[in-house]
Every structure is written in C-alpha cells, then in structure tokens.
Amino acid sequence: MGGRQIRLGMKLEFGLIPQTSWGLSLANKLGKEEWDKIRKEVYKKANYRCQICGEDGVLHSHEVWRFELKKKIQRLVGIECLCEMCHNVKHFGRSKKVYSKSYVDRLIKHWCKINGKSERDFNAYNAKVHLEYKKLAGVDWQVKVGRKVIV
C-alpha cells in the first residue's frame, strides 16, 4: 500500500512535517561530517542547481518523506537539492513563524512564479495542504531510513 505525501500537482509544494516528527531529520541524527558528505553529494548530482527552479545560489538539502498513515511509518524517500527560497517554501509553516512578513510575501510570490499560479491559487493550495496535514498530526510516527528505524 502506498504512503501519503502531501502532493497536489504543483512543481513547488510544501513539505510539511507533523509536529510529532519535528527535529527527527536525518540531518539531526547523523554527525556533521556524515551529513555534510551526503548533502554535498546531493548538490553534485543536481549540478549545483535547485532541482525545482534551477537557481544556483545558496543551496540546501531537503529530506523528502512519505507517510504511511495506517502503519504510522514516516519513511525517507529522497533528498533534494533546493535553493534557499524553494526550501523555505517547502517549510512554509516554519517560515511564517521565523521570517518577516515581507520575506514571507516573497516566498508566496516565488511559489506563484514557479507554479504559474496566482496568490488566490496559493491561498487555496495552502488551505488544501493544511487539511491533508491535519490527517498526519498527532500521530507518533516510526521514522525509517531504508530498513533502519531512527527513532
């Protein structure tokens, strides 16, 4: 049975993580040296460009997770090379809390540009994602990377 990713057909989508899984990332579980090796390999494979918009500025590694609701398993399915803007859109919920309104407005415009959509479309998308997100909230996820459980 397939798992859930909150995918609604956009090129740039949110990568929301349920609060019960905050901080349970591979980046946080590995030592700095090991994580640096992995993320640098991800950048190299992506030709040092954002895999969503093609930007070649400051790069980030973004973990892509699939959620298997019935089994309560959160599984790492990949790591993406993203620019700072795309990465902050992926973590839009967090971005709204830690960045200024003007920067958040820039993130919304970036989402609109990449997806060829309007701000109205963004607001509708945001509402849909949060409905899906509520289905994942409050679950104590077993976090897996490959066959290994990291929690």
Protein backbone atom coordinates (compact mmCIF):
# COMPACT_ATOMS: atom_id res chain seq x y z
CA MET A 1 0.00 0.00 0.00
CA GLY A 2 1.37 3.41 -0.93
CA GLY A 3 2.08 6.14 1.55
CA ARG A 4 0.97 9.74 1.70
CA GLN A 5 2.93 12.68 0.58
CA ILE A 6 1.03 15.92 0.50
CA ARG A 7 1.17 16.26 -3.28
CA LEU A 8 -1.35 18.40 -5.09
CA GLY A 9 0.20 18.57 -8.54
CA MET A 10 2.42 21.65 -8.18
CA LYS A 11 6.06 21.90 -9.20
CA LEU A 12 6.88 23.58 -5.87
CA GLU A 13 4.91 22.13 -2.99
CA PHE A 14 5.06 22.33 0.78
CA GLY A 15 6.97 19.61 2.61
CA LEU A 16 5.13 19.92 5.90
CA ILE A 17 6.22 17.67 8.72
CA PRO A 18 3.82 16.75 11.55
CA GLN A 19 4.78 18.39 14.85
CA THR A 20 5.32 14.94 16.40
CA SER A 21 8.22 14.48 13.94
CA TRP A 22 9.87 17.89 14.24
CA GLY A 23 13.62 17.50 14.70
CA LEU A 24 13.62 13.84 13.64
CA SER A 25 15.52 14.50 10.44
CA LEU A 26 18.44 12.57 9.08
CA ALA A 27 20.46 15.78 9.25
CA ASN A 28 19.86 15.92 13.01
CA LYS A 29 20.56 12.21 13.59
CA LEU A 30 23.85 11.98 11.70
CA GLY A 31 27.09 13.58 12.71
CA LYS A 32 28.02 16.81 10.92
CA GLU A 33 30.77 15.14 8.90
CA GLU A 34 28.49 12.36 7.63
CA TRP A 35 25.61 14.75 6.83
CA ASP A 36 27.97 17.14 5.02
CA LYS A 37 29.18 14.26 2.85
CA ILE A 38 25.59 13.31 1.93
CA ARG A 39 24.40 16.84 1.21
CA LYS A 40 27.46 17.66 -0.91
CA GLU A 41 26.80 14.52 -2.95
CA VAL A 42 23.18 15.66 -3.42
CA TYR A 43 24.40 19.08 -4.64
CA LYS A 44 26.85 17.47 -7.06
CA LYS A 45 24.20 15.12 -8.51
CA ALA A 46 21.96 18.16 -9.06
CA ASN A 47 24.76 20.02 -10.88
CA TYR A 48 24.79 22.57 -8.04
CA ARG A 49 21.36 23.87 -9.04
CA CYS A 50 17.99 23.87 -7.35
CA GLN A 51 16.05 20.85 -8.58
CA ILE A 52 12.86 22.90 -8.68
CA CYS A 53 13.69 26.35 -10.08
CA GLY A 54 17.25 25.92 -11.39
CA GLU A 55 18.78 28.63 -9.14
CA ASP A 56 22.49 28.17 -8.45
CA GLY A 57 22.89 30.35 -5.34
CA VAL A 58 22.87 29.18 -1.74
CA LEU A 59 21.85 25.51 -1.74
CA HIS A 60 20.08 23.40 0.88
CA SER A 61 19.36 19.69 1.21
CA HIS A 62 15.71 18.88 1.75
CA GLU A 63 14.61 15.48 3.02
CA VAL A 64 11.55 14.08 1.25
CA TRP A 65 9.32 11.95 3.46
CA ARG A 66 6.40 9.63 2.73
CA PHE A 67 3.85 8.99 5.45
CA GLU A 68 2.13 5.59 5.71
CA LEU A 69 -0.81 6.55 7.89
CA LYS A 70 -2.17 3.05 8.59
CA LYS A 71 1.26 1.73 9.65
CA LYS A 72 2.29 5.02 11.30
CA ILE A 73 5.58 4.99 9.39
CA GLN A 74 7.39 8.09 8.17
CA ARG A 75 9.87 6.96 5.51
CA LEU A 76 12.70 8.89 3.88
CA VAL A 77 12.25 8.58 0.11
CA GLY A 78 14.86 11.05 -1.10
CA ILE A 79 16.92 14.16 -0.58
CA GLU A 80 16.51 17.15 -2.89
CA CYS A 81 18.91 19.95 -3.70
CA LEU A 82 16.98 23.21 -3.27
CA CYS A 83 17.74 26.91 -3.33
CA GLU A 84 17.03 28.89 -0.19
CA MET A 85 13.72 30.25 -1.49
CA CYS A 86 12.34 26.87 -2.60
CA HIS A 87 13.49 25.30 0.68
CA ASN A 88 11.76 27.98 2.74
CA VAL A 89 8.58 27.47 0.68
CA LYS A 90 8.81 23.73 1.39
CA HIS A 91 8.84 24.63 5.09
CA PHE A 92 6.23 27.36 4.73
CA GLY A 93 4.66 26.75 8.14
CA ARG A 94 8.00 27.28 9.84
CA SER A 95 8.89 30.17 7.54
CA LYS A 96 5.73 32.06 8.55
CA LYS A 97 6.84 31.83 12.19
CA VAL A 98 10.50 32.80 11.85
CA TYR A 99 10.68 35.28 8.95
CA SER A 100 9.34 38.77 8.41
CA LYS A 101 6.05 39.34 6.62
CA SER A 102 7.90 40.90 3.68
CA TYR A 103 10.07 37.78 3.28
CA VAL A 104 7.03 35.50 3.57
CA ASP A 105 5.36 37.60 0.85
CA ARG A 106 8.45 36.97 -1.32
CA LEU A 107 8.08 33.22 -0.67
CA ILE A 108 4.44 33.36 -1.79
CA LYS A 109 5.45 35.22 -4.96
CA HIS A 110 8.18 32.62 -5.58
CA TRP A 111 5.62 29.80 -5.21
CA CYS A 112 3.31 31.61 -7.64
CA LYS A 113 6.08 32.18 -10.19
CA ILE A 114 7.38 28.59 -10.10
CA ASN A 115 3.88 27.12 -10.34
CA GLY A 116 2.46 29.69 -12.78
CA LYS A 117 -0.33 30.48 -10.32
CA SER A 118 -1.92 33.50 -8.63
CA GLU A 119 -1.92 34.46 -4.95
CA ARG A 120 -5.54 33.31 -4.86
CA ASP A 121 -4.35 29.89 -6.10
CA PHE A 122 -1.68 29.94 -3.40
CA ASN A 123 -4.28 30.57 -0.69
CA ALA A 124 -6.46 27.72 -1.97
CA TYR A 125 -3.42 25.41 -2.12
CA ASN A 126 -2.38 26.42 1.41
CA ALA A 127 -5.86 25.55 2.72
CA LYS A 128 -5.87 22.15 0.96
CA VAL A 129 -2.43 21.26 2.28
CA HIS A 130 -3.44 22.10 5.82
CA LEU A 131 -6.49 19.84 5.57
CA GLU A 132 -4.20 16.99 4.49
CA TYR A 133 -1.67 17.92 7.18
CA LYS A 134 -4.32 17.55 9.90
CA LYS A 135 -4.61 13.87 8.96
CA LEU A 136 -0.92 13.42 9.84
CA ALA A 137 -0.89 15.49 13.02
CA GLY A 138 -0.87 13.85 16.43
CA VAL A 139 0.49 10.52 15.19
CA ASP A 140 3.59 9.09 16.87
CA TRP A 141 5.49 8.18 13.71
CA GLN A 142 8.08 5.45 13.44
CA VAL A 143 10.75 7.19 11.37
CA LYS A 144 12.59 4.96 8.91
CA VAL A 145 15.54 5.45 6.62
CA GLY A 146 15.76 2.37 4.45
CA ARG A 147 15.07 -0.51 6.86
CA LYS A 148 16.60 1.30 9.81
CA VAL A 149 14.37 2.97 12.40
CA ILE A 150 15.93 6.25 13.55
CA VAL A 151 13.53 6.92 16.42
